[in-house]
């Protein structure tokens, strides 16, 4: 459960980074 949350946060971070890029 914690790992899934961590991966979700990482994916969201990549999306946000891609948006600002």
PDB file of N, CA and C in Angstrom:
ATOM      1  N   UNK A   1       0.855  -1.209   0.000  1.00  0.00           N
ATOM      2  CA  UNK A   1       0.000   0.000   0.000  1.00  0.00           C
ATOM      3  C   UNK A   1       0.887   1.254   0.000  1.00  0.00           C
ATOM      4  N   UNK A   2       1.877   1.255   0.873  1.00  0.00           N
ATOM      5  CA  UNK A   2       2.783   2.417   0.916  1.00  0.00           C
ATOM      6  C   UNK A   2       3.559   2.536  -0.389  1.00  0.00           C
ATOM      7  N   UNK A   3       3.982   1.370  -0.923  1.00  0.00           N
ATOM      8  CA  UNK A   3       4.749   1.384  -2.177  1.00  0.00           C
ATOM      9  C   UNK A   3       3.874   1.927  -3.309  1.00  0.00           C
ATOM     10  N   UNK A   4       2.623   1.513  -3.343  1.00  0.00           N
ATOM     11  CA  UNK A   4       1.715   1.987  -4.397  1.00  0.00           C
ATOM     12  C   UNK A   4       1.559   3.500  -4.294  1.00  0.00           C
ATOM     13  N   UNK A   5       1.455   4.006  -3.076  1.00  0.00           N
ATOM     14  CA  UNK A   5       1.305   5.450  -2.871  1.00  0.00           C
ATOM     15  C   UNK A   5       2.563   6.179  -3.341  1.00  0.00           C
ATOM     16  N   UNK A   6       3.715   5.611  -3.012  1.00  0.00           N
ATOM     17  CA  UNK A   6       4.985   6.227  -3.420  1.00  0.00           C
ATOM     18  C   UNK A   6       5.082   6.280  -4.943  1.00  0.00           C
ATOM     19  N   UNK A   7       4.693   5.191  -5.604  1.00  0.00           N
ATOM     20  CA  UNK A   7       4.757   5.172  -7.078  1.00  0.00           C
ATOM     21  C   UNK A   7       3.763   6.169  -7.659  1.00  0.00           C
ATOM     22  N   UNK A   8       2.599   6.303  -7.043  1.00  0.00           N
ATOM     23  CA  UNK A   8       1.602   7.259  -7.531  1.00  0.00           C
ATOM     24  C   UNK A   8       2.158   8.676  -7.404  1.00  0.00           C
ATOM     25  N   UNK A   9       2.796   8.969  -6.280  1.00  0.00           N
ATOM     26  CA  UNK A   9       3.376  10.305  -6.070  1.00  0.00           C
ATOM     27  C   UNK A   9       4.465  10.563  -7.112  1.00  0.00           C
ATOM     28  N   UNK A  10       5.277   9.519  -7.405  1.00  0.00           N
ATOM     29  CA  UNK A  10       6.348   9.676  -8.397  1.00  0.00           C
ATOM     30  C   UNK A  10       5.754   9.958  -9.774  1.00  0.00           C
ATOM     31  N   UNK A  11       4.706   9.227 -10.139  1.00  0.00           N
ATOM     32  CA  UNK A  11       4.075   9.439 -11.447  1.00  0.00           C
ATOM     33  C   UNK A  11       3.495  10.848 -11.527  1.00  0.00           C
ATOM     34  N   UNK A  12       2.842  11.288 -10.450  1.00  0.00           N
ATOM     35  CA  UNK A  12       2.266  12.641 -10.442  1.00  0.00           C
ATOM     36  C   UNK A  12       3.382  13.675 -10.570  1.00  0.00           C
ATOM     37  N   UNK A  13       4.488  13.429  -9.881  1.00  0.00           N
ATOM     38  CA  UNK A  13       5.628  14.359  -9.952  1.00  0.00           C
ATOM     39  C   UNK A  13       6.156  14.455 -11.377  1.00  0.00           C
ATOM     40  N   UNK A  14       6.237  13.316 -12.065  1.00  0.00           N
ATOM     41  CA  UNK A  14       6.724  13.323 -13.450  1.00  0.00           C
ATOM     42  C   UNK A  14       5.761  14.105 -14.336  1.00  0.00           C
ATOM     43  N   UNK A  15       4.470  13.938 -14.112  1.00  0.00           N
ATOM     44  CA  UNK A  15       3.469  14.652 -14.919  1.00  0.00           C
ATOM     45  C   UNK A  15       3.584  16.154 -14.677  1.00  0.00           C
ATOM     46  N   UNK A  16       3.736  16.543 -13.419  1.00  0.00           N
ATOM     47  CA  UNK A  16       3.855  17.975 -13.090  1.00  0.00           C
ATOM     48  C   UNK A  16       5.127  18.541 -13.716  1.00  0.00           C
ATOM     49  N   UNK A  17       6.228  17.784 -13.607  1.00  0.00           N
ATOM     50  CA  UNK A  17       7.501  18.241 -14.187  1.00  0.00           C
ATOM     51  C   UNK A  17       7.350  18.403 -15.697  1.00  0.00           C
ATOM     52  N   UNK A  18       6.698  17.441 -16.339  1.00  0.00           N
ATOM     53  CA  UNK A  18       6.503  17.505 -17.783  1.00  0.00           C
ATOM     54  C   UNK A  18       5.636  18.695 -18.162  1.00  0.00           C
ATOM     55  N   UNK A  19       4.656  19.013 -17.314  1.00  0.00           N
ATOM     56  CA  UNK A  19       3.772  20.143 -17.610  1.00  0.00           C
ATOM     57  C   UNK A  19       4.542  21.455 -17.562  1.00  0.00           C
ATOM     58  N   UNK A  20       5.403  21.619 -16.535  1.00  0.00           N
ATOM     59  CA  UNK A  20       6.155  22.874 -16.413  1.00  0.00           C
ATOM     60  C   UNK A  20       7.285  22.940 -17.418  1.00  0.00           C
ATOM     61  N   UNK A  21       7.736  21.784 -17.898  1.00  0.00           N
ATOM     62  CA  UNK A  21       8.803  21.769 -18.898  1.00  0.00           C
ATOM     63  C   UNK A  21       8.228  22.239 -20.236  1.00  0.00           C
TER      64      UNK A  21
END
